[in-house]
PDB file of N, CA and C in Angstrom:
ATOM      1  N   MET A   1       0.843  -1.179   0.000  1.00  0.00           N
ATOM      2  CA  MET A   1       0.000   0.000   0.000  1.00  0.00           C
ATOM      3  C   MET A   1       0.885   1.237   0.000  1.00  0.00           C
ATOM      4  N   SER A   2       0.563   2.204  -0.826  1.00  0.00           N
ATOM      5  CA  SER A   2       1.286   3.470  -0.894  1.00  0.00           C
ATOM      6  C   SER A   2       0.322   4.607  -0.626  1.00  0.00           C
ATOM      7  N   ALA A   3       0.833   5.693  -0.095  1.00  0.00           N
ATOM      8  CA  ALA A   3       0.005   6.860   0.176  1.00  0.00           C
ATOM      9  C   ALA A   3       0.868   8.112   0.082  1.00  0.00           C
ATOM     10  N   TRP A   4       0.210   9.233  -0.100  1.00  0.00           N
ATOM     11  CA  TRP A   4       0.917  10.508  -0.146  1.00  0.00           C
ATOM     12  C   TRP A   4       0.889  11.143   1.232  1.00  0.00           C
ATOM     13  N   THR A   5       2.001  11.757   1.645  1.00  0.00           N
ATOM     14  CA  THR A   5       2.041  12.494   2.910  1.00  0.00           C
ATOM     15  C   THR A   5       1.597  13.920   2.659  1.00  0.00           C
ATOM     16  N   SER A   6       1.391  14.681   3.730  1.00  0.00           N
ATOM     17  CA  SER A   6       0.978  16.079   3.574  1.00  0.00           C
ATOM     18  C   SER A   6       2.053  16.902   2.877  1.00  0.00           C
ATOM     19  N   GLY A   7       3.301  16.459   2.943  1.00  0.00           N
ATOM     20  CA  GLY A   7       4.388  17.165   2.265  1.00  0.00           C
ATOM     21  C   GLY A   7       4.545  16.761   0.817  1.00  0.00           C
ATOM     22  N   GLY A   8       3.701  15.843   0.341  1.00  0.00           N
ATOM     23  CA  GLY A   8       3.744  15.432  -1.046  1.00  0.00           C
ATOM     24  C   GLY A   8       4.648  14.254  -1.341  1.00  0.00           C
ATOM     25  N   ALA A   9       5.269  13.655  -0.323  1.00  0.00           N
ATOM     26  CA  ALA A   9       6.158  12.510  -0.533  1.00  0.00           C
ATOM     27  C   ALA A   9       5.346  11.222  -0.551  1.00  0.00           C
ATOM     28  N   LEU A  10       5.730  10.306  -1.399  1.00  0.00           N
ATOM     29  CA  LEU A  10       5.070   9.011  -1.480  1.00  0.00           C
ATOM     30  C   LEU A  10       5.682   8.086  -0.440  1.00  0.00           C
ATOM     31  N   VAL A  11       4.858   7.486   0.401  1.00  0.00           N
ATOM     32  CA  VAL A  11       5.320   6.519   1.398  1.00  0.00           C
ATOM     33  C   VAL A  11       4.636   5.189   1.138  1.00  0.00           C
ATOM     34  N   SER A  12       5.253   4.104   1.597  1.00  0.00           N
ATOM     35  CA  SER A  12       4.637   2.795   1.409  1.00  0.00           C
ATOM     36  C   SER A  12       4.832   1.955   2.659  1.00  0.00           C
ATOM     37  N   SER A  13       3.850   1.102   2.926  1.00  0.00           N
ATOM     38  CA  SER A  13       3.949   0.149   4.027  1.00  0.00           C
ATOM     39  C   SER A  13       4.611  -1.108   3.485  1.00  0.00           C
ATOM     40  N   ILE A  14       5.639  -1.568   4.177  1.00  0.00           N
ATOM     41  CA  ILE A  14       6.369  -2.747   3.735  1.00  0.00           C
ATOM     42  C   ILE A  14       6.631  -3.655   4.926  1.00  0.00           C
ATOM     43  N   GLU A  15       6.856  -4.921   4.651  1.00  0.00           N
ATOM     44  CA  GLU A  15       7.263  -5.859   5.690  1.00  0.00           C
ATOM     45  C   GLU A  15       8.783  -5.815   5.785  1.00  0.00           C
ATOM     46  N   ILE A  16       9.293  -5.691   7.009  1.00  0.00           N
ATOM     47  CA  ILE A  16      10.735  -5.648   7.196  1.00  0.00           C
ATOM     48  C   ILE A  16      11.171  -6.772   8.123  1.00  0.00           C
ATOM     49  N   THR A  17      12.435  -7.127   8.008  1.00  0.00           N
ATOM     50  CA  THR A  17      13.078  -8.114   8.871  1.00  0.00           C
ATOM     51  C   THR A  17      14.373  -7.504   9.371  1.00  0.00           C
ATOM     52  N   ALA A  18      15.113  -8.243  10.161  1.00  0.00           N
ATOM     53  CA  ALA A  18      16.410  -7.760  10.629  1.00  0.00           C
ATOM     54  C   ALA A  18      17.340  -7.489   9.458  1.00  0.00           C
ATOM     55  N   ALA A  19      17.182  -8.236   8.378  1.00  0.00           N
ATOM     56  CA  ALA A  19      18.055  -8.070   7.213  1.00  0.00           C
ATOM     57  C   ALA A  19      17.695  -6.850   6.371  1.00  0.00           C
ATOM     58  N   THR A  20      16.444  -6.372   6.460  1.00  0.00           N
ATOM     59  CA  THR A  20      16.016  -5.296   5.569  1.00  0.00           C
ATOM     60  C   THR A  20      15.706  -3.973   6.262  1.00  0.00           C
ATOM     61  N   VAL A  21      15.722  -3.932   7.585  1.00  0.00           N
ATOM     62  CA  VAL A  21      15.405  -2.695   8.297  1.00  0.00           C
ATOM     63  C   VAL A  21      16.487  -1.650   8.007  1.00  0.00           C
ATOM     64  N   ARG A  22      16.057  -0.378   7.903  1.00  0.00           N
ATOM     65  CA  ARG A  22      16.981   0.723   7.611  1.00  0.00           C
ATOM     66  C   ARG A  22      16.721   1.890   8.553  1.00  0.00           C
ATOM     67  N   ARG A  23      17.729   2.747   8.680  1.00  0.00           N
ATOM     68  CA  ARG A  23      17.532   3.993   9.424  1.00  0.00           C
ATOM     69  C   ARG A  23      16.424   4.786   8.729  1.00  0.00           C
ATOM     70  N   GLY A  24      15.559   5.397   9.522  1.00  0.00           N
ATOM     71  CA  GLY A  24      14.469   6.191   8.973  1.00  0.00           C
ATOM     72  C   GLY A  24      13.162   5.439   8.847  1.00  0.00           C
ATOM     73  N   ASP A  25      13.179   4.103   8.937  1.00  0.00           N
ATOM     74  CA  ASP A  25      11.935   3.343   8.899  1.00  0.00           C
ATOM     75  C   ASP A  25      11.084   3.726  10.099  1.00  0.00           C
ATOM     76  N   VAL A  26       9.783   3.802   9.899  1.00  0.00           N
ATOM     77  CA  VAL A  26       8.853   4.112  10.986  1.00  0.00           C
ATOM     78  C   VAL A  26       8.064   2.843  11.279  1.00  0.00           C
ATOM     79  N   ILE A  27       8.172   2.365  12.518  1.00  0.00           N
ATOM     80  CA  ILE A  27       7.546   1.114  12.933  1.00  0.00           C
ATOM     81  C   ILE A  27       6.498   1.419  13.997  1.00  0.00           C
ATOM     82  N   GLN A  28       5.328   0.812  13.880  1.00  0.00           N
ATOM     83  CA  GLN A  28       4.250   0.985  14.859  1.00  0.00           C
ATOM     84  C   GLN A  28       4.430  -0.048  15.966  1.00  0.00           C
ATOM     85  N   LEU A  29       4.665   0.410  17.197  1.00  0.00           N
ATOM     86  CA  LEU A  29       4.864  -0.471  18.349  1.00  0.00           C
ATOM     87  C   LEU A  29       4.021   0.025  19.510  1.00  0.00           C
ATOM     88  N   GLY A  30       3.174  -0.836  20.033  1.00  0.00           N
ATOM     89  CA  GLY A  30       2.369  -0.465  21.190  1.00  0.00           C
ATOM     90  C   GLY A  30       1.490   0.749  20.959  1.00  0.00           C
ATOM     91  N   GLY A  31       1.029   0.938  19.732  1.00  0.00           N
ATOM     92  CA  GLY A  31       0.169   2.067  19.415  1.00  0.00           C
ATOM     93  C   GLY A  31       0.894   3.359  19.127  1.00  0.00           C
ATOM     94  N   ALA A  32       2.216   3.330  19.155  1.00  0.00           N
ATOM     95  CA  ALA A  32       2.995   4.538  18.881  1.00  0.00           C
ATOM     96  C   ALA A  32       3.933   4.303  17.698  1.00  0.00           C
ATOM     97  N   ALA A  33       4.017   5.290  16.831  1.00  0.00           N
ATOM     98  CA  ALA A  33       4.939   5.217  15.692  1.00  0.00           C
ATOM     99  C   ALA A  33       6.329   5.617  16.167  1.00  0.00           C
ATOM    100  N   ARG A  34       7.311   4.792  15.833  1.00  0.00           N
ATOM    101  CA  ARG A  34       8.688   5.061  16.266  1.00  0.00           C
ATOM    102  C   ARG A  34       9.610   4.998  15.057  1.00  0.00           C
ATOM    103  N   ARG A  35      10.471   6.022  14.916  1.00  0.00           N
ATOM    104  CA  ARG A  35      11.410   6.104  13.802  1.00  0.00           C
ATOM    105  C   ARG A  35      12.761   5.527  14.219  1.00  0.00           C
ATOM    106  N   VAL A  36      13.317   4.653  13.382  1.00  0.00           N
ATOM    107  CA  VAL A  36      14.618   4.039  13.644  1.00  0.00           C
ATOM    108  C   VAL A  36      15.708   5.089  13.425  1.00  0.00           C
ATOM    109  N   GLU A  37      16.452   5.372  14.480  1.00  0.00           N
ATOM    110  CA  GLU A  37      17.536   6.351  14.401  1.00  0.00           C
ATOM    111  C   GLU A  37      18.872   5.679  14.110  1.00  0.00           C
ATOM    112  N   ASP A  38      19.098   4.498  14.695  1.00  0.00           N
ATOM    113  CA  ASP A  38      20.357   3.786  14.512  1.00  0.00           C
ATOM    114  C   ASP A  38      20.095   2.299  14.710  1.00  0.00           C
ATOM    115  N   LEU A  39      21.000   1.477  14.229  1.00  0.00           N
ATOM    116  CA  LEU A  39      20.866   0.037  14.414  1.00  0.00           C
ATOM    117  C   LEU A  39      22.234  -0.605  14.509  1.00  0.00           C
ATOM    118  N   PHE A  40      22.284  -1.729  15.225  1.00  0.00           N
ATOM    119  CA  PHE A  40      23.534  -2.434  15.476  1.00  0.00           C
ATOM    120  C   PHE A  40      23.354  -3.912  15.177  1.00  0.00           C
ATOM    121  N   GLN A  41      24.322  -4.489  14.493  1.00  0.00           N
ATOM    122  CA  GLN A  41      24.300  -5.913  14.179  1.00  0.00           C
ATOM    123  C   GLN A  41      24.606  -6.711  15.437  1.00  0.00           C
ATOM    124  N   LEU A  42      23.837  -7.763  15.671  1.00  0.00           N
ATOM    125  CA  LEU A  42      24.039  -8.669  16.790  1.00  0.00           C
ATOM    126  C   LEU A  42      24.309 -10.074  16.242  1.00  0.00           C
ATOM    127  N   PRO A  43      24.748 -10.995  17.077  1.00  0.00           N
ATOM    128  CA  PRO A  43      24.992 -12.362  16.606  1.00  0.00           C
ATOM    129  C   PRO A  43      23.725 -13.028  16.054  1.00  0.00           C
ATOM    130  N   ARG A  44      23.929 -14.011  15.178  1.00  0.00           N
ATOM    131  CA  ARG A  44      22.864 -14.839  14.604  1.00  0.00           C
ATOM    132  C   ARG A  44      21.848 -14.055  13.778  1.00  0.00           C
ATOM    133  N   GLY A  45      22.279 -12.974  13.150  1.00  0.00           N
ATOM    134  CA  GLY A  45      21.416 -12.223  12.242  1.00  0.00           C
ATOM    135  C   GLY A  45      20.464 -11.245  12.901  1.00  0.00           C
ATOM    136  N   ALA A  46      20.550 -11.086  14.200  1.00  0.00           N
ATOM    137  CA  ALA A  46      19.669 -10.149  14.904  1.00  0.00           C
ATOM    138  C   ALA A  46      20.227  -8.728  14.804  1.00  0.00           C
ATOM    139  N   LYS A  47      19.361  -7.743  15.041  1.00  0.00           N
ATOM    140  CA  LYS A  47      19.784  -6.342  15.095  1.00  0.00           C
ATOM    141  C   LYS A  47      19.107  -5.667  16.268  1.00  0.00           C
ATOM    142  N   GLN A  48      19.814  -4.720  16.846  1.00  0.00           N
ATOM    143  CA  GLN A  48      19.227  -3.897  17.898  1.00  0.00           C
ATOM    144  C   GLN A  48      18.895  -2.551  17.279  1.00  0.00           C
ATOM    145  N   LEU A  49      17.624  -2.165  17.367  1.00  0.00           N
ATOM    146  CA  LEU A  49      17.175  -0.896  16.813  1.00  0.00           C
ATOM    147  C   LEU A  49      17.151   0.155  17.907  1.00  0.00           C
ATOM    148  N   VAL A  50      17.620   1.344  17.590  1.00  0.00           N
ATOM    149  CA  VAL A  50      17.567   2.483  18.504  1.00  0.00           C
ATOM    150  C   VAL A  50      16.612   3.486  17.873  1.00  0.00           C
ATOM    151  N   PHE A  51      15.557   3.828  18.606  1.00  0.00           N
ATOM    152  CA  PHE A  51      14.564   4.761  18.098  1.00  0.00           C
ATOM    153  C   PHE A  51      14.899   6.181  18.529  1.00  0.00           C
ATOM    154  N   GLU A  52      14.329   7.165  17.831  1.00  0.00           N
ATOM    155  CA  GLU A  52      14.563   8.572  18.170  1.00  0.00           C
ATOM    156  C   GLU A  52      14.203   8.872  19.610  1.00  0.00           C
ATOM    157  N   SER A  53      13.243   8.143  20.172  1.00  0.00           N
ATOM    158  CA  SER A  53      12.816   8.347  21.557  1.00  0.00           C
ATOM    159  C   SER A  53      13.836   7.815  22.565  1.00  0.00           C
ATOM    160  N   GLY A  54      14.824   7.038  22.065  1.00  0.00           N
ATOM    161  CA  GLY A  54      15.801   6.425  22.956  1.00  0.00           C
ATOM    162  C   GLY A  54      15.457   4.989  23.304  1.00  0.00           C
ATOM    163  N   ASP A  55      14.261   4.549  22.945  1.00  0.00           N
ATOM    164  CA  ASP A  55      13.857   3.167  23.193  1.00  0.00           C
ATOM    165  C   ASP A  55      14.671   2.213  22.330  1.00  0.00           C
ATOM    166  N   LEU A  56      14.832   0.975  22.815  1.00  0.00           N
ATOM    167  CA  LEU A  56      15.568  -0.053  22.097  1.00  0.00           C
ATOM    168  C   LEU A  56      14.641  -1.216  21.785  1.00  0.00           C
ATOM    169  N   LEU A  57      14.892  -1.880  20.649  1.00  0.00           N
ATOM    170  CA  LEU A  57      14.158  -3.078  20.279  1.00  0.00           C
ATOM    171  C   LEU A  57      15.130  -4.032  19.608  1.00  0.00           C
ATOM    172  N   THR A  58      15.157  -5.281  20.074  1.00  0.00           N
ATOM    173  CA  THR A  58      15.978  -6.301  19.428  1.00  0.00           C
ATOM    174  C   THR A  58      15.093  -7.069  18.457  1.00  0.00           C
ATOM    175  N   VAL A  59      15.514  -7.099  17.211  1.00  0.00           N
ATOM    176  CA  VAL A  59      14.780  -7.794  16.153  1.00  0.00           C
ATOM    177  C   VAL A  59      15.595  -9.019  15.790  1.00  0.00           C
ATOM    178  N   HIS A  60      15.021 -10.188  16.004  1.00  0.00           N
ATOM    179  CA  HIS A  60      15.713 -11.430  15.690  1.00  0.00           C
ATOM    180  C   HIS A  60      15.588 -11.732  14.201  1.00  0.00           C
ATOM    181  N   ALA A  61      16.366 -12.665  13.717  1.00  0.00           N
ATOM    182  CA  ALA A  61      16.417 -12.977  12.291  1.00  0.00           C
ATOM    183  C   ALA A  61      15.043 -13.340  11.724  1.00  0.00           C
ATOM    184  N   ARG A  62      14.189 -13.969  12.502  1.00  0.00           N
ATOM    185  CA  ARG A  62      12.871 -14.396  12.010  1.00  0.00           C
ATOM    186  C   ARG A  62      11.747 -13.404  12.293  1.00  0.00           C
ATOM    187  N   THR A  63      12.026 -12.327  13.006  1.00  0.00           N
ATOM    188  CA  THR A  63      11.011 -11.324  13.331  1.00  0.00           C
ATOM    189  C   THR A  63      10.576 -10.591  12.070  1.00  0.00           C
ATOM    190  N   ARG A  64       9.268 -10.406  11.922  1.00  0.00           N
ATOM    191  CA  ARG A  64       8.729  -9.653  10.790  1.00  0.00           C
ATOM    192  C   ARG A  64       7.856  -8.531  11.349  1.00  0.00           C
ATOM    193  N   LEU A  65       8.086  -7.326  10.867  1.00  0.00           N
ATOM    194  CA  LEU A  65       7.336  -6.152  11.292  1.00  0.00           C
ATOM    195  C   LEU A  65       6.862  -5.395  10.059  1.00  0.00           C
ATOM    196  N   VAL A  66       5.842  -4.551  10.237  1.00  0.00           N
ATOM    197  CA  VAL A  66       5.400  -3.674   9.161  1.00  0.00           C
ATOM    198  C   VAL A  66       5.913  -2.275   9.462  1.00  0.00           C
ATOM    199  N   ALA A  67       6.499  -1.651   8.454  1.00  0.00           N
ATOM    200  CA  ALA A  67       7.060  -0.312   8.613  1.00  0.00           C
ATOM    201  C   ALA A  67       6.584   0.584   7.477  1.00  0.00           C
ATOM    202  N   VAL A  68       6.690   1.873   7.702  1.00  0.00           N
ATOM    203  CA  VAL A  68       6.434   2.864   6.665  1.00  0.00           C
ATOM    204  C   VAL A  68       7.794   3.386   6.241  1.00  0.00           C
ATOM    205  N   ARG A  69       8.011   3.432   4.939  1.00  0.00           N
ATOM    206  CA  ARG A  69       9.313   3.865   4.419  1.00  0.00           C
ATOM    207  C   ARG A  69       9.088   4.886   3.315  1.00  0.00           C
ATOM    208  N   MET A  70       9.843   5.984   3.395  1.00  0.00           N
ATOM    209  CA  MET A  70       9.825   6.972   2.322  1.00  0.00           C
ATOM    210  C   MET A  70      10.975   6.650   1.374  1.00  0.00           C
ATOM    211  N   PRO A  71      10.778   6.868   0.088  1.00  0.00           N
ATOM    212  CA  PRO A  71      11.874   6.611  -0.862  1.00  0.00           C
ATOM    213  C   PRO A  71      13.092   7.459  -0.534  1.00  0.00           C
ATOM    214  N   ARG A  72      14.264   6.912  -0.787  1.00  0.00           N
ATOM    215  CA  ARG A  72      15.502   7.652  -0.535  1.00  0.00           C
ATOM    216  C   ARG A  72      15.666   8.769  -1.546  1.00  0.00           C
ATOM    217  N   ARG A  73      16.247   9.860  -1.087  1.00  0.00           N
ATOM    218  CA  ARG A  73      16.523  10.985  -1.996  1.00  0.00           C
ATOM    219  C   ARG A  73      17.772  10.684  -2.800  1.00  0.00           C
ATOM    220  N   ARG A  74      17.810  11.161  -3.983  1.00  0.00           N
ATOM    221  CA  ARG A  74      18.974  10.915  -4.847  1.00  0.00           C
ATOM    222  C   ARG A  74      19.829  12.114  -4.972  1.00  0.00           C
TER     223      ARG A  74
END
């Protein structure tokens, strides 16, 4: 699913895993949207996500989440 933001940018909802998550992805957790600020590789394909709020989330290799992603600028 794709939608336009109020600023005119096209965003899309995508399924992400530890292998595909990127900085800037917005993930809905516990009813709140959280933007990934940084991420760190962990053993066995897991990643630790650091959100702008300072919260942390460990995503294991098999974890699947839905995120909103804006296209990268060129």
